[in-house]
Amino acid sequence: MQIRLPRGLELRRARPGDAAGVGALVEQLGYASDGRGFTETFTQVVRHPEAAVFVIAEGVRVVGYVAVSHRPQIHLGGRLATIDELAVDADHRGQGLGSFLLDQALELARGLGCVRIEVSTRRSRDSYARGFYVRHGFVEADSALLRQP
């Protein structure tokens, strides 16, 4: 089933000027967007050749975004895509915008010939509890995520 955007919303590639709008969505997820450092990093991601950021905008206001990165991986013998971030404004949830954004990221990854597409999410997130990614064909992997502080 092809999901359509509600009237008045448009999908487009993100540009550096979208940093403040995306920063507001990042804050809704519980992360800080500390002004200049966030804007510089956002601009780097938007311009990076192995990354893509799509936004859904209502006029100049960003109401959703997805960031995806891709790179070759030796053990896979091909490219790996990672859905790095996906967020929809609280006032616009429940309209299928998250699914629309995820579909754009998946379409990009498939178009690049990625042999695997991954997403990492917290089990405490509402989207995990609702089975959002499972409904879109993802399966939970038996792995451990380790970080160095």
Protein backbone atom coordinates (compact mmCIF):
# COMPACT_ATOMS: atom_id res chain seq x y z
CA MET A 1 0.00 0.00 0.00
CA GLN A 2 1.44 3.36 -1.04
CA ILE A 3 1.20 5.93 1.72
CA ARG A 4 0.41 9.49 0.66
CA LEU A 5 1.23 12.70 2.44
CA PRO A 6 -1.67 14.76 3.75
CA ARG A 7 -2.41 17.98 1.87
CA GLY A 8 -0.06 20.83 2.74
CA LEU A 9 2.92 18.60 3.52
CA GLU A 10 5.89 18.01 1.25
CA LEU A 11 8.78 15.56 1.28
CA ARG A 12 12.21 16.83 0.32
CA ARG A 13 15.89 16.32 0.97
CA ALA A 14 17.04 18.22 4.02
CA ARG A 15 19.24 21.27 3.67
CA PRO A 16 21.45 23.04 6.23
CA GLY A 17 18.72 25.60 6.96
CA ASP A 18 16.54 22.80 8.38
CA ALA A 19 18.80 22.39 11.42
CA ALA A 20 16.56 24.30 13.85
CA GLY A 21 13.43 22.41 12.77
CA VAL A 22 15.13 19.04 13.05
CA GLY A 23 16.67 20.13 16.36
CA ALA A 24 13.18 20.71 17.77
CA LEU A 25 12.23 17.14 16.81
CA VAL A 26 15.43 15.78 18.35
CA GLU A 27 14.48 17.53 21.58
CA GLN A 28 11.04 15.87 21.46
CA LEU A 29 12.91 12.55 21.51
CA GLY A 30 14.64 13.62 24.72
CA TYR A 31 18.02 14.64 23.29
CA ALA A 32 19.63 18.05 23.50
CA SER A 33 20.35 20.11 20.39
CA ASP A 34 22.92 22.54 21.69
CA GLY A 35 22.76 25.23 19.04
CA ARG A 36 25.97 25.74 17.08
CA GLY A 37 27.44 22.26 17.60
CA PHE A 38 24.16 20.67 16.53
CA THR A 39 23.88 22.91 13.48
CA GLU A 40 27.44 22.10 12.38
CA THR A 41 26.89 18.37 12.78
CA PHE A 42 23.53 18.52 11.02
CA THR A 43 25.14 20.35 8.09
CA GLN A 44 27.90 17.72 7.90
CA VAL A 45 25.35 14.89 7.80
CA VAL A 46 23.18 16.63 5.18
CA ARG A 47 26.24 17.11 2.94
CA HIS A 48 27.88 13.72 3.58
CA PRO A 49 28.10 11.53 0.47
CA GLU A 50 27.16 8.38 2.39
CA ALA A 51 24.18 9.86 4.21
CA ALA A 52 20.77 11.20 3.34
CA VAL A 53 18.26 13.16 5.37
CA PHE A 54 14.66 13.54 4.24
CA VAL A 55 12.24 15.98 5.86
CA ILE A 56 8.52 16.40 5.72
CA ALA A 57 7.73 20.08 5.81
CA GLU A 58 4.59 22.10 6.30
CA GLY A 59 5.65 25.33 4.66
CA VAL A 60 8.96 26.12 6.32
CA ARG A 61 8.23 24.06 9.45
CA VAL A 62 9.85 20.62 9.63
CA VAL A 63 7.32 18.13 11.05
CA GLY A 64 9.27 14.91 10.47
CA TYR A 65 12.64 13.63 9.37
CA VAL A 66 14.59 10.47 8.72
CA ALA A 67 18.37 10.14 8.51
CA VAL A 68 19.95 7.16 6.81
CA SER A 69 23.60 6.32 6.29
CA HIS A 70 25.20 3.67 4.11
CA ARG A 71 28.62 2.18 3.67
CA PRO A 72 30.31 -0.92 2.32
CA GLN A 73 30.78 -3.73 4.80
CA ILE A 74 33.41 -6.40 4.28
CA HIS A 75 31.68 -9.34 5.97
CA LEU A 76 28.41 -8.64 4.15
CA GLY A 77 30.10 -8.40 0.79
CA GLY A 78 28.05 -5.31 0.03
CA ARG A 79 26.55 -2.13 1.39
CA LEU A 80 24.86 -1.76 4.77
CA ALA A 81 22.27 0.97 5.34
CA THR A 82 21.38 2.20 8.80
CA ILE A 83 18.28 4.15 9.71
CA ASP A 84 20.04 6.48 12.12
CA GLU A 85 17.14 8.65 13.22
CA LEU A 86 13.43 9.00 12.58
CA ALA A 87 11.12 11.44 14.30
CA VAL A 88 7.71 12.99 13.72
CA ASP A 89 6.38 16.03 15.55
CA ALA A 90 4.01 15.05 18.37
CA ASP A 91 1.17 17.05 16.79
CA HIS A 92 1.53 15.15 13.51
CA ARG A 93 1.80 11.57 14.77
CA GLY A 94 -0.79 9.00 13.81
CA GLN A 95 -1.04 10.22 10.20
CA GLY A 96 1.39 7.70 8.69
CA LEU A 97 4.25 10.19 8.38
CA GLY A 98 6.72 7.91 10.15
CA SER A 99 5.85 5.08 7.75
CA PHE A 100 6.19 7.45 4.81
CA LEU A 101 9.65 8.56 5.96
CA LEU A 102 10.76 5.01 6.64
CA ASP A 103 9.60 3.97 3.16
CA GLN A 104 11.72 6.76 1.65
CA ALA A 105 14.79 5.54 3.54
CA LEU A 106 14.16 1.92 2.52
CA GLU A 107 13.67 2.92 -1.10
CA LEU A 108 16.97 4.80 -1.05
CA ALA A 109 18.80 1.85 0.53
CA ARG A 110 17.39 -0.62 -1.96
CA GLY A 111 18.25 1.72 -4.82
CA LEU A 112 21.85 1.77 -3.60
CA GLY A 113 21.88 -2.04 -3.63
CA CYS A 114 22.25 -2.39 0.14
CA VAL A 115 22.29 -6.03 1.19
CA ARG A 116 21.20 -5.21 4.74
CA ILE A 117 19.21 -2.41 6.35
CA GLU A 118 19.41 -1.95 10.11
CA VAL A 119 17.83 0.22 12.74
CA SER A 120 18.68 0.53 16.41
CA THR A 121 15.99 1.65 18.84
CA ARG A 122 15.37 1.58 22.55
CA ARG A 123 12.92 -0.97 23.85
CA SER A 124 11.43 1.80 26.00
CA ARG A 125 10.36 3.83 22.95
CA ASP A 126 6.67 3.90 22.09
CA SER A 127 7.49 2.94 18.48
CA TYR A 128 9.14 -0.26 19.74
CA ALA A 129 6.15 -1.14 21.93
CA ARG A 130 3.80 -0.58 18.98
CA GLY A 131 5.92 -2.83 16.76
CA PHE A 132 6.52 -0.03 14.25
CA TYR A 133 9.68 -1.50 12.72
CA VAL A 134 8.42 -5.09 12.87
CA ARG A 135 5.34 -4.03 10.88
CA HIS A 136 7.74 -2.73 8.25
CA GLY A 137 9.57 -6.03 7.89
CA PHE A 138 12.39 -5.64 10.41
CA VAL A 139 13.24 -8.52 12.73
CA GLU A 140 14.96 -8.17 16.06
CA ALA A 141 18.55 -9.41 15.87
CA ASP A 142 20.30 -11.39 18.56
CA SER A 143 23.13 -8.98 19.18
CA ALA A 144 24.57 -6.69 21.79
CA LEU A 145 25.23 -2.99 21.34
CA LEU A 146 28.36 -1.96 23.19
CA ARG A 147 29.55 1.61 23.60
CA GLN A 148 32.69 3.16 24.93
CA PRO A 149 31.88 6.11 27.20
